[in-house]
N, C-alpha and C. Protein backbone atom coordinates (compact mmCIF):
# COMPACT_ATOMS: atom_id res chain seq x y z
N UNK A 1 97.53 105.64 51.76
CA UNK A 1 96.40 106.33 52.32
C UNK A 1 96.82 107.72 52.77
N UNK A 2 95.87 108.56 52.82
CA UNK A 2 96.14 109.92 53.29
C UNK A 2 96.49 109.91 54.77
N UNK A 3 97.33 110.83 55.20
CA UNK A 3 97.60 110.94 56.63
C UNK A 3 96.29 111.18 57.39
N UNK A 4 96.19 110.61 58.56
CA UNK A 4 94.99 110.77 59.37
C UNK A 4 93.95 109.69 59.16
N UNK A 5 94.14 108.84 58.16
CA UNK A 5 93.21 107.73 57.93
C UNK A 5 93.60 106.57 58.83
N UNK A 6 92.64 105.69 59.15
CA UNK A 6 92.95 104.58 60.04
C UNK A 6 92.44 103.27 59.45
N UNK A 7 92.56 102.20 60.23
CA UNK A 7 92.19 100.87 59.76
C UNK A 7 90.70 100.77 59.44
N UNK A 8 89.87 101.55 60.11
CA UNK A 8 88.44 101.55 59.82
C UNK A 8 88.21 102.11 58.41
N UNK A 9 88.93 103.17 58.06
CA UNK A 9 88.83 103.73 56.71
C UNK A 9 89.27 102.71 55.67
N UNK A 10 90.35 101.99 55.96
CA UNK A 10 90.85 100.98 55.04
C UNK A 10 89.82 99.87 54.85
N UNK A 11 89.19 99.44 55.94
CA UNK A 11 88.14 98.42 55.85
C UNK A 11 86.96 98.90 55.03
N UNK A 12 86.58 100.16 55.21
CA UNK A 12 85.49 100.72 54.41
C UNK A 12 85.84 100.76 52.94
N UNK A 13 87.08 101.08 52.63
CA UNK A 13 87.53 101.10 51.24
C UNK A 13 87.43 99.71 50.62
N UNK A 14 87.87 98.70 51.37
CA UNK A 14 87.79 97.32 50.88
C UNK A 14 86.34 96.94 50.60
N UNK A 15 85.45 97.25 51.51
CA UNK A 15 84.03 96.91 51.32
C UNK A 15 83.44 97.65 50.12
N UNK A 16 83.74 98.94 50.00
CA UNK A 16 83.21 99.72 48.88
C UNK A 16 83.72 99.19 47.54
N UNK A 17 85.02 98.91 47.46
CA UNK A 17 85.59 98.41 46.21
C UNK A 17 85.02 97.04 45.85
N UNK A 18 84.89 96.16 46.84
CA UNK A 18 84.34 94.83 46.59
C UNK A 18 82.92 94.92 46.05
N UNK A 19 82.11 95.79 46.65
CA UNK A 19 80.74 95.96 46.20
C UNK A 19 80.69 96.56 44.79
N UNK A 20 81.50 97.55 44.55
CA UNK A 20 81.52 98.22 43.26
C UNK A 20 82.00 97.30 42.14
N UNK A 21 83.04 96.51 42.42
CA UNK A 21 83.64 95.65 41.40
C UNK A 21 83.01 94.27 41.32
N UNK A 22 82.32 93.87 42.37
CA UNK A 22 81.69 92.56 42.38
C UNK A 22 82.66 91.41 42.61
N UNK A 23 83.82 91.71 43.14
CA UNK A 23 84.83 90.69 43.45
C UNK A 23 85.50 91.06 44.76
N UNK A 24 86.14 90.06 45.40
CA UNK A 24 86.92 90.36 46.60
C UNK A 24 88.17 91.14 46.20
N UNK A 25 88.55 92.08 47.01
CA UNK A 25 89.76 92.87 46.75
C UNK A 25 90.66 92.85 47.98
N UNK A 26 91.93 93.03 47.75
CA UNK A 26 92.91 93.21 48.81
C UNK A 26 93.46 94.61 48.68
N UNK A 27 93.54 95.31 49.77
CA UNK A 27 94.08 96.67 49.79
C UNK A 27 95.19 96.72 50.82
N UNK A 28 96.33 97.23 50.41
CA UNK A 28 97.48 97.36 51.31
C UNK A 28 97.94 98.80 51.34
N UNK A 29 98.53 99.18 52.44
CA UNK A 29 99.23 100.46 52.48
C UNK A 29 100.63 100.22 51.92
N UNK A 30 101.32 101.27 51.57
CA UNK A 30 102.68 101.14 51.05
C UNK A 30 103.56 100.39 52.05
N UNK A 31 103.37 100.65 53.33
CA UNK A 31 104.17 99.98 54.36
C UNK A 31 103.88 98.48 54.43
N UNK A 32 102.71 98.07 53.96
CA UNK A 32 102.33 96.66 54.00
C UNK A 32 102.84 95.85 52.83
N UNK A 33 103.48 96.49 51.86
CA UNK A 33 104.00 95.77 50.69
C UNK A 33 105.28 95.03 51.03
N UNK A 34 105.40 93.83 50.50
CA UNK A 34 106.63 93.05 50.65
C UNK A 34 107.76 93.83 49.99
N UNK A 35 108.87 94.05 50.68
CA UNK A 35 109.98 94.82 50.11
C UNK A 35 110.51 94.26 48.79
N UNK A 36 110.37 92.95 48.58
CA UNK A 36 110.88 92.35 47.33
C UNK A 36 110.08 92.78 46.11
N UNK A 37 108.80 93.12 46.30
CA UNK A 37 107.96 93.51 45.16
C UNK A 37 107.51 94.96 45.22
N UNK A 38 107.87 95.65 46.29
CA UNK A 38 107.39 97.02 46.49
C UNK A 38 107.67 97.94 45.30
N UNK A 39 108.91 97.96 44.82
CA UNK A 39 109.26 98.88 43.72
C UNK A 39 108.44 98.59 42.47
N UNK A 40 108.24 97.30 42.15
CA UNK A 40 107.46 96.96 40.96
C UNK A 40 106.01 97.40 41.12
N UNK A 41 105.42 97.13 42.27
CA UNK A 41 104.03 97.51 42.50
C UNK A 41 103.86 99.02 42.43
N UNK A 42 104.76 99.75 43.07
CA UNK A 42 104.64 101.21 43.07
C UNK A 42 104.85 101.79 41.68
N UNK A 43 105.69 101.16 40.86
CA UNK A 43 105.91 101.63 39.49
C UNK A 43 104.65 101.46 38.65
N UNK A 44 103.83 100.45 38.98
CA UNK A 44 102.61 100.18 38.22
C UNK A 44 101.37 100.84 38.83
N UNK A 45 101.53 101.45 39.99
CA UNK A 45 100.38 102.03 40.69
C UNK A 45 99.80 103.20 39.91
N UNK A 46 98.50 103.33 39.98
CA UNK A 46 97.81 104.47 39.39
C UNK A 46 97.22 105.26 40.56
N UNK A 47 97.71 106.46 40.74
CA UNK A 47 97.23 107.30 41.84
C UNK A 47 96.10 108.17 41.35
N UNK A 48 95.01 108.15 42.07
CA UNK A 48 93.84 108.94 41.72
C UNK A 48 93.55 109.90 42.86
N UNK A 49 93.16 111.09 42.52
CA UNK A 49 92.73 112.02 43.56
C UNK A 49 91.21 111.90 43.68
N UNK A 50 90.67 112.25 44.83
CA UNK A 50 89.22 112.16 45.00
C UNK A 50 88.50 113.04 43.99
N UNK A 51 87.33 112.60 43.58
CA UNK A 51 86.52 113.40 42.66
C UNK A 51 86.05 114.66 43.38
N UNK A 52 86.02 115.77 42.67
CA UNK A 52 85.53 116.99 43.32
C UNK A 52 84.05 116.85 43.67
N UNK A 53 83.64 117.54 44.70
CA UNK A 53 82.23 117.51 45.11
C UNK A 53 81.38 118.17 44.03
N UNK A 54 80.19 117.64 43.79
CA UNK A 54 79.32 118.26 42.78
C UNK A 54 78.95 119.68 43.18
N UNK A 55 78.86 120.54 42.20
CA UNK A 55 78.47 121.94 42.46
C UNK A 55 76.96 122.05 42.46
N UNK A 56 76.49 122.90 43.34
CA UNK A 56 75.04 123.12 43.43
C UNK A 56 74.71 124.53 43.14
């Protein structure tokens, strides 16, 4: 997560993703990953930047 985000933001992300995908999702911060699998998960991670705001 971006610096300055909190647990409320994380909860909102979980709700938005669940609604969008139609399935339950689990979202973890990098610090929440089990050290035994952290490197594998991060190697497979796809990082996306936010979509730019529409121009008017």
